[in-house]
Amino acid sequence: MSKKPYGAIALAVILALFSISSSVDKTGKISVNGLSFAYVDEGSGPPIVLVHGSVSDYREWSKQMAPFAKHYRVIAYSRRYHWPNLAPGKDADASVERQADDLAAIIRAMGIAPAHIVGHSIGGAVALNLALRHPELVRTLALAEPAVSGVLGEAPENEAVSKESQAVRAEMKEAFASGDAERIVRTYAANVALGEFEKAPPEVRQMLIANVPAFQLDFTSRRPPFTCDDARRVAVPVLILSGDRSPMGLQHIAEAAARCIKGARFVTIRRPRIGCSTINRKRSMTRFSHSSRGTEGDRTEHRLAFVVEAEQNPWTRPAGAPLATCLVRRMVL
């Protein structure tokens, strides 16, 4: 069974489609691990770091910045080789472990440890690896369909997911071989959000195409499987989200990851056929708690509460489109 999710993660395209905003309050660059990383930094208070998915960059989180910044210092950065960072060269390394070390170095350089980490798709895989490799830097994790198919194992019931993954990977391999950035994005979108690329405005298409070199590297870089045994070693509070219109493989991976992580909370965001306006009028809040022993032996409880608020979005209205309109808008701790 392939240990990589098909085509990276379905939500990346859709999130990018509606989250781009031209307004940012504070942008900057930080140099760590021999590379420069662009970021946006807003608000004040406990730190939250947002880790984007594939075919996108820090702009994926544009519409989430202001709600988070009302209560927290929120930082969204572009992962290595994603716009506007330096493009990948011949010997570029985008392994998940290297990217987790990037995130660790950014957190240390900014002096914001421990931080709440929100990760989407491969950004979720980076966040989980951060929690294993640098647990002292992580306060909580919130993951939208993390790209960790290794948690599925080799069980017979996962055979359909494996076959689907292999088919999409073969199609993407052909697209990458063409060297045509637009074809690559169209092929990816056709597998995860049919028809959405064609509806996207020019600035959105530009963002997707600009991140194709990094997307290809994400897709092809070495990625040792993150297994259920690995997940059991995660020792911070974890919330995992999935959408009921995402491909079933992604939903299965998210559910399996939540089962493997002790005390993790799994939430499926459901969207009616007419769109998310119903949820937009009535917020859904999910809370979970995690207990642990403090350094002095005192019992401490960490609570993570997410307000999951839908946002009216034309890009996912067609029946069968992956869910990405119902977003985490505000974190309450």
Protein backbone atom coordinates (compact mmCIF):
# COMPACT_ATOMS: atom_id res chain seq x y z
CA MET A 1 0.00 0.00 0.00
CA SER A 2 1.25 3.48 -0.86
CA LYS A 3 2.30 5.39 2.21
CA LYS A 4 1.53 8.78 0.66
CA PRO A 5 -1.97 10.22 0.29
CA TYR A 6 -3.11 10.65 -3.28
CA GLY A 7 -2.26 13.95 -4.89
CA ALA A 8 -1.21 15.44 -1.53
CA ILE A 9 -4.48 16.58 0.08
CA ALA A 10 -7.81 17.56 -1.43
CA LEU A 11 -8.53 20.52 0.79
CA ALA A 12 -5.47 22.46 -0.38
CA VAL A 13 -6.99 23.53 -3.68
CA ILE A 14 -10.31 24.56 -2.21
CA LEU A 15 -8.85 26.46 0.72
CA ALA A 16 -6.65 28.36 -1.68
CA LEU A 17 -9.60 29.20 -3.89
CA PHE A 18 -11.40 31.32 -1.40
CA SER A 19 -8.84 32.32 1.19
CA ILE A 20 -6.65 34.68 -0.83
CA SER A 21 -6.74 38.22 0.43
CA SER A 22 -4.67 41.15 -0.68
CA SER A 23 -4.56 42.73 2.77
CA VAL A 24 -1.93 41.77 5.32
CA ASP A 25 -0.88 43.70 8.38
CA LYS A 26 2.69 42.53 8.85
CA THR A 27 4.88 40.54 6.52
CA GLY A 28 8.47 39.59 7.05
CA LYS A 29 11.20 37.08 6.38
CA ILE A 30 13.15 34.92 8.76
CA SER A 31 16.30 32.95 7.96
CA VAL A 32 16.74 29.49 9.46
CA ASN A 33 18.35 26.26 8.27
CA GLY A 34 20.07 28.10 5.43
CA LEU A 35 16.82 29.34 3.84
CA SER A 36 14.62 32.42 4.06
CA PHE A 37 10.95 31.95 4.98
CA ALA A 38 8.25 34.54 4.30
CA TYR A 39 5.56 34.97 6.92
CA VAL A 40 2.62 37.07 8.06
CA ASP A 41 2.37 38.04 11.74
CA GLU A 42 -0.74 39.60 13.30
CA GLY A 43 -2.24 40.14 16.74
CA SER A 44 -0.83 39.60 20.21
CA GLY A 45 -1.16 37.02 22.93
CA PRO A 46 -0.55 33.25 22.99
CA PRO A 47 1.11 32.23 19.70
CA ILE A 48 -0.57 30.20 16.97
CA VAL A 49 1.39 29.02 13.92
CA LEU A 50 -0.52 28.09 10.75
CA VAL A 51 1.06 25.51 8.42
CA HIS A 52 -0.43 25.46 4.92
CA GLY A 53 -1.09 22.52 2.62
CA SER A 54 0.04 21.74 -0.91
CA VAL A 55 -0.23 23.98 -3.99
CA SER A 56 -0.49 27.04 -1.77
CA ASP A 57 1.44 29.28 0.60
CA TYR A 58 0.77 31.51 3.60
CA ARG A 59 -2.06 33.17 1.63
CA GLU A 60 -4.11 30.03 2.25
CA TRP A 61 -4.87 31.42 5.70
CA SER A 62 -5.67 35.02 4.71
CA LYS A 63 -9.26 34.95 5.90
CA GLN A 64 -8.37 33.20 9.14
CA MET A 65 -5.74 35.73 10.20
CA ALA A 66 -8.05 38.48 11.47
CA PRO A 67 -10.36 36.22 13.55
CA PHE A 68 -7.38 34.53 15.22
CA ALA A 69 -5.59 37.86 15.75
CA LYS A 70 -8.43 39.16 17.92
CA HIS A 71 -7.21 36.92 20.73
CA TYR A 72 -3.78 35.60 19.77
CA ARG A 73 -0.56 36.30 17.99
CA VAL A 74 -1.06 34.38 14.75
CA ILE A 75 1.76 33.57 12.34
CA ALA A 76 1.33 32.02 8.91
CA TYR A 77 4.50 31.17 7.00
CA SER A 78 5.25 29.74 3.57
CA ARG A 79 6.94 26.37 3.82
CA ARG A 80 10.29 25.86 2.12
CA TYR A 81 10.25 26.51 -1.64
CA HIS A 82 6.68 27.89 -1.63
CA TRP A 83 5.91 31.40 -2.85
CA PRO A 84 7.48 33.88 -2.28
CA ASN A 85 10.41 31.85 -0.99
CA LEU A 86 13.30 30.66 -3.09
CA ALA A 87 12.22 28.04 -5.65
CA PRO A 88 13.60 24.51 -5.29
CA GLY A 89 16.94 23.76 -6.88
CA LYS A 90 18.43 20.54 -8.18
CA ASP A 91 19.20 19.04 -4.75
CA ALA A 92 16.26 20.52 -2.88
CA ASP A 93 15.07 18.57 0.17
CA ALA A 94 11.43 18.86 1.17
CA SER A 95 11.13 15.79 3.36
CA VAL A 96 8.59 16.09 6.14
CA GLU A 97 11.33 15.70 8.75
CA ARG A 98 13.30 18.59 7.24
CA GLN A 99 10.16 20.72 7.15
CA ALA A 100 9.40 19.88 10.78
CA ASP A 101 12.90 21.04 11.66
CA ASP A 102 12.24 24.25 9.69
CA LEU A 103 9.13 24.89 11.76
CA ALA A 104 11.04 24.15 14.96
CA ALA A 105 13.77 26.62 13.99
CA ILE A 106 11.18 29.31 13.15
CA ILE A 107 9.45 28.87 16.51
CA ARG A 108 12.77 29.11 18.34
CA ALA A 109 13.97 32.10 16.34
CA MET A 110 10.75 33.96 17.04
CA GLY A 111 10.84 33.01 20.71
CA ILE A 112 7.24 31.77 20.75
CA ALA A 113 7.57 28.28 22.26
CA PRO A 114 5.42 26.48 23.11
CA ALA A 115 2.97 27.36 20.34
CA HIS A 116 -0.42 26.15 19.19
CA ILE A 117 0.07 24.56 15.75
CA VAL A 118 -2.68 24.42 13.12
CA GLY A 119 -1.79 22.27 10.12
CA HIS A 120 -3.61 21.47 6.90
CA SER A 121 -2.90 18.39 4.74
CA ILE A 122 0.88 18.02 4.41
CA GLY A 123 1.09 20.90 6.88
CA GLY A 124 -0.66 18.55 9.31
CA ALA A 125 2.02 15.92 8.67
CA VAL A 126 4.69 18.54 9.36
CA ALA A 127 2.92 19.48 12.59
CA LEU A 128 2.73 15.87 13.78
CA ASN A 129 6.41 15.32 13.05
CA LEU A 130 7.19 18.52 14.95
CA ALA A 131 5.32 17.14 17.96
CA LEU A 132 7.47 13.99 17.87
CA ARG A 133 10.83 15.57 17.07
CA HIS A 134 10.47 18.75 19.16
CA PRO A 135 7.67 18.16 21.70
CA GLU A 136 8.82 21.03 23.91
CA LEU A 137 7.82 23.50 21.18
CA VAL A 138 4.19 22.36 20.86
CA ARG A 139 1.30 23.28 23.11
CA THR A 140 -1.59 21.87 21.03
CA LEU A 141 -2.25 20.55 17.53
CA ALA A 142 -5.27 21.19 15.31
CA LEU A 143 -5.09 19.26 12.05
CA ALA A 144 -7.32 19.40 8.96
CA GLU A 145 -7.03 16.03 7.22
CA PRO A 146 -3.32 15.49 7.91
CA ALA A 147 -1.37 13.72 5.16
CA VAL A 148 -0.38 10.66 7.18
CA SER A 149 -1.78 7.68 5.28
CA GLY A 150 0.63 5.40 7.16
CA VAL A 151 -1.83 5.35 10.07
CA LEU A 152 -4.12 3.16 7.94
CA GLY A 153 -1.72 0.22 8.06
CA GLU A 154 -2.15 -2.77 5.76
CA ALA A 155 -5.66 -3.82 6.77
CA PRO A 156 -7.76 -5.35 3.94
CA GLU A 157 -10.49 -2.74 4.43
CA ASN A 158 -8.05 -0.06 3.31
CA GLU A 159 -7.42 -1.69 -0.08
CA ALA A 160 -9.86 0.63 -1.88
CA VAL A 161 -8.08 3.69 -0.52
CA SER A 162 -4.76 2.27 -1.65
CA LYS A 163 -6.01 1.58 -5.19
CA GLU A 164 -7.50 5.06 -5.47
CA SER A 165 -4.24 6.57 -4.26
CA GLN A 166 -2.20 4.61 -6.78
CA ALA A 167 -4.47 5.63 -9.66
CA VAL A 168 -4.27 9.32 -8.82
CA ARG A 169 -0.53 9.16 -8.29
CA ALA A 170 -0.08 7.61 -11.73
CA GLU A 171 -2.12 10.40 -13.29
CA MET A 172 -0.17 13.06 -11.41
CA LYS A 173 3.13 11.48 -12.45
CA GLU A 174 2.15 11.93 -16.09
CA ALA A 175 1.15 15.53 -15.46
CA PHE A 176 4.46 16.30 -13.74
CA ALA A 177 6.36 14.71 -16.62
CA SER A 178 4.70 17.15 -19.03
CA GLY A 179 6.29 20.13 -17.28
CA ASP A 180 3.07 22.08 -17.89
CA ALA A 181 2.20 23.88 -14.62
CA GLU A 182 -1.40 24.55 -15.60
CA ARG A 183 -1.94 20.94 -16.62
CA ILE A 184 -0.53 19.83 -13.27
CA VAL A 185 -2.95 22.03 -11.34
CA ARG A 186 -5.89 21.06 -13.57
CA THR A 187 -5.12 17.37 -13.14
CA TYR A 188 -4.91 17.72 -9.38
CA ALA A 189 -8.08 19.78 -9.18
CA ALA A 190 -9.96 17.33 -11.39
CA ASN A 191 -9.26 14.59 -8.87
CA VAL A 192 -10.17 16.54 -5.76
CA ALA A 193 -12.51 19.35 -6.84
CA LEU A 194 -13.82 18.81 -10.35
CA GLY A 195 -14.54 22.04 -12.20
CA GLU A 196 -13.24 24.38 -9.51
CA PHE A 197 -10.05 25.46 -11.27
CA GLU A 198 -12.10 26.62 -14.23
CA LYS A 199 -14.20 28.83 -11.95
CA ALA A 200 -11.26 30.34 -10.11
CA PRO A 201 -10.39 34.02 -10.69
CA PRO A 202 -7.04 34.85 -12.31
CA GLU A 203 -5.27 35.71 -9.05
CA VAL A 204 -6.17 32.32 -7.59
CA ARG A 205 -4.96 30.46 -10.66
CA GLN A 206 -1.73 32.44 -10.45
CA MET A 207 -1.18 31.39 -6.84
CA LEU A 208 -1.78 27.73 -7.58
CA ILE A 209 0.49 27.71 -10.60
CA ALA A 210 3.20 29.67 -8.75
CA ASN A 211 3.45 26.85 -6.21
CA VAL A 212 3.63 23.95 -8.67
CA PRO A 213 7.42 23.42 -8.29
CA ALA A 214 7.04 23.14 -4.52
CA PHE A 215 3.95 20.95 -4.96
CA GLN A 216 5.90 18.53 -7.14
CA LEU A 217 8.63 18.38 -4.54
CA ASP A 218 6.08 17.79 -1.77
CA PHE A 219 4.62 15.01 -3.90
CA THR A 220 7.87 13.26 -4.75
CA SER A 221 10.09 13.85 -1.69
CA ARG A 222 10.96 11.02 0.64
CA ARG A 223 8.27 10.64 3.24
CA PRO A 224 8.72 7.76 5.70
CA PRO A 225 5.31 6.54 6.82
CA PHE A 226 3.86 8.14 9.92
CA THR A 227 2.32 5.07 11.51
CA CYS A 228 -0.19 4.46 14.26
CA ASP A 229 2.72 3.62 16.55
CA ASP A 230 4.19 7.04 15.79
CA ALA A 231 0.85 8.67 16.47
CA ARG A 232 0.63 7.01 19.87
CA ARG A 233 3.76 8.91 20.90
CA VAL A 234 2.08 12.30 20.42
CA ALA A 235 1.59 13.68 23.91
CA VAL A 236 -0.18 17.02 23.39
CA PRO A 237 -3.90 17.78 22.97
CA VAL A 238 -4.97 17.09 19.39
CA LEU A 239 -8.04 18.03 17.37
CA ILE A 240 -8.48 16.49 13.91
CA LEU A 241 -11.01 17.82 11.41
CA SER A 242 -12.37 16.26 8.25
CA GLY A 243 -15.05 17.25 5.75
CA ASP A 244 -17.92 15.00 4.79
CA ARG A 245 -17.45 15.85 1.09
CA SER A 246 -13.74 15.28 1.00
CA PRO A 247 -12.63 12.08 -0.80
CA MET A 248 -13.31 9.06 1.38
CA GLY A 249 -9.63 8.20 1.53
CA LEU A 250 -8.83 11.49 3.23
CA GLN A 251 -11.68 11.02 5.67
CA HIS A 252 -10.47 7.51 6.55
CA ILE A 253 -6.92 8.77 7.13
CA ALA A 254 -8.14 11.56 9.41
CA GLU A 255 -10.34 9.19 11.42
CA ALA A 256 -7.55 6.63 11.75
CA ALA A 257 -5.09 9.28 12.93
CA ALA A 258 -7.54 10.40 15.60
CA ARG A 259 -8.04 6.81 16.78
CA CYS A 260 -4.30 6.29 17.06
CA ILE A 261 -3.59 9.43 19.09
CA LYS A 262 -4.52 9.03 22.73
CA GLY A 263 -7.22 11.49 23.75
CA ALA A 264 -7.50 13.06 20.29
CA ARG A 265 -10.82 14.59 19.30
CA PHE A 266 -12.17 13.94 15.80
CA VAL A 267 -14.77 16.20 14.23
CA THR A 268 -16.47 15.81 10.86
CA ILE A 269 -17.68 19.11 9.46
CA ARG A 270 -20.93 18.48 7.64
CA ARG A 271 -22.24 20.66 4.87
CA PRO A 272 -25.80 20.62 3.53
CA ARG A 273 -26.22 20.45 -0.23
CA ILE A 274 -27.27 24.12 -0.37
CA GLY A 275 -23.95 25.23 1.05
CA CYS A 276 -22.69 26.29 4.45
CA SER A 277 -25.10 29.13 5.12
CA THR A 278 -27.00 26.99 7.65
CA ILE A 279 -23.91 26.54 9.79
CA ASN A 280 -22.98 30.15 9.19
CA ARG A 281 -26.04 31.21 11.16
CA LYS A 282 -25.41 28.75 13.96
CA ARG A 283 -21.88 28.10 15.14
CA SER A 284 -20.75 24.68 16.19
CA MET A 285 -18.27 24.49 19.04
CA THR A 286 -16.24 21.47 19.93
CA ARG A 287 -14.26 21.24 23.14
CA PHE A 288 -11.93 18.63 24.43
CA SER A 289 -9.48 18.47 27.27
CA HIS A 290 -6.20 16.77 27.90
CA SER A 291 -4.74 16.12 31.31
CA SER A 292 -1.07 15.78 32.07
CA ARG A 293 1.44 16.12 34.88
CA GLY A 294 3.30 19.38 35.19
CA THR A 295 7.01 19.62 35.87
CA GLU A 296 6.28 20.10 39.56
CA GLY A 297 3.94 17.12 39.65
CA ASP A 298 0.88 19.35 39.65
CA ARG A 299 -2.01 18.12 37.55
CA THR A 300 -2.76 20.52 34.73
CA GLU A 301 -5.55 20.57 32.22
CA HIS A 302 -5.23 22.04 28.76
CA ARG A 303 -8.44 22.90 26.97
CA LEU A 304 -8.67 23.46 23.28
CA ALA A 305 -11.90 24.84 21.89
CA PHE A 306 -12.51 25.59 18.28
CA VAL A 307 -15.32 27.64 16.88
CA VAL A 308 -16.03 25.97 13.58
CA GLU A 309 -17.84 28.57 11.55
CA ALA A 310 -18.96 28.05 7.98
CA GLU A 311 -18.27 30.66 5.42
CA GLN A 312 -20.47 31.13 2.36
CA ASN A 313 -18.33 30.05 -0.56
CA PRO A 314 -19.28 29.64 -4.22
CA TRP A 315 -16.35 27.36 -4.98
CA THR A 316 -17.75 24.29 -3.24
CA ARG A 317 -21.45 24.55 -4.01
CA PRO A 318 -21.60 21.75 -6.62
CA ALA A 319 -22.75 18.49 -5.11
CA GLY A 320 -19.86 16.15 -4.45
CA ALA A 321 -17.19 18.84 -4.15
CA PRO A 322 -14.78 18.36 -1.23
CA LEU A 323 -15.68 20.28 1.89
CA ALA A 324 -13.47 23.21 2.71
CA THR A 325 -15.91 26.04 3.27
CA CYS A 326 -16.48 25.25 6.92
CA LEU A 327 -13.34 26.57 8.52
CA VAL A 328 -11.81 26.92 11.88
CA ARG A 329 -12.28 30.67 12.35
CA ARG A 330 -11.30 31.26 15.96
CA MET A 331 -9.38 29.33 18.58
CA VAL A 332 -10.37 29.71 22.23
CA LEU A 333 -8.04 28.37 24.88
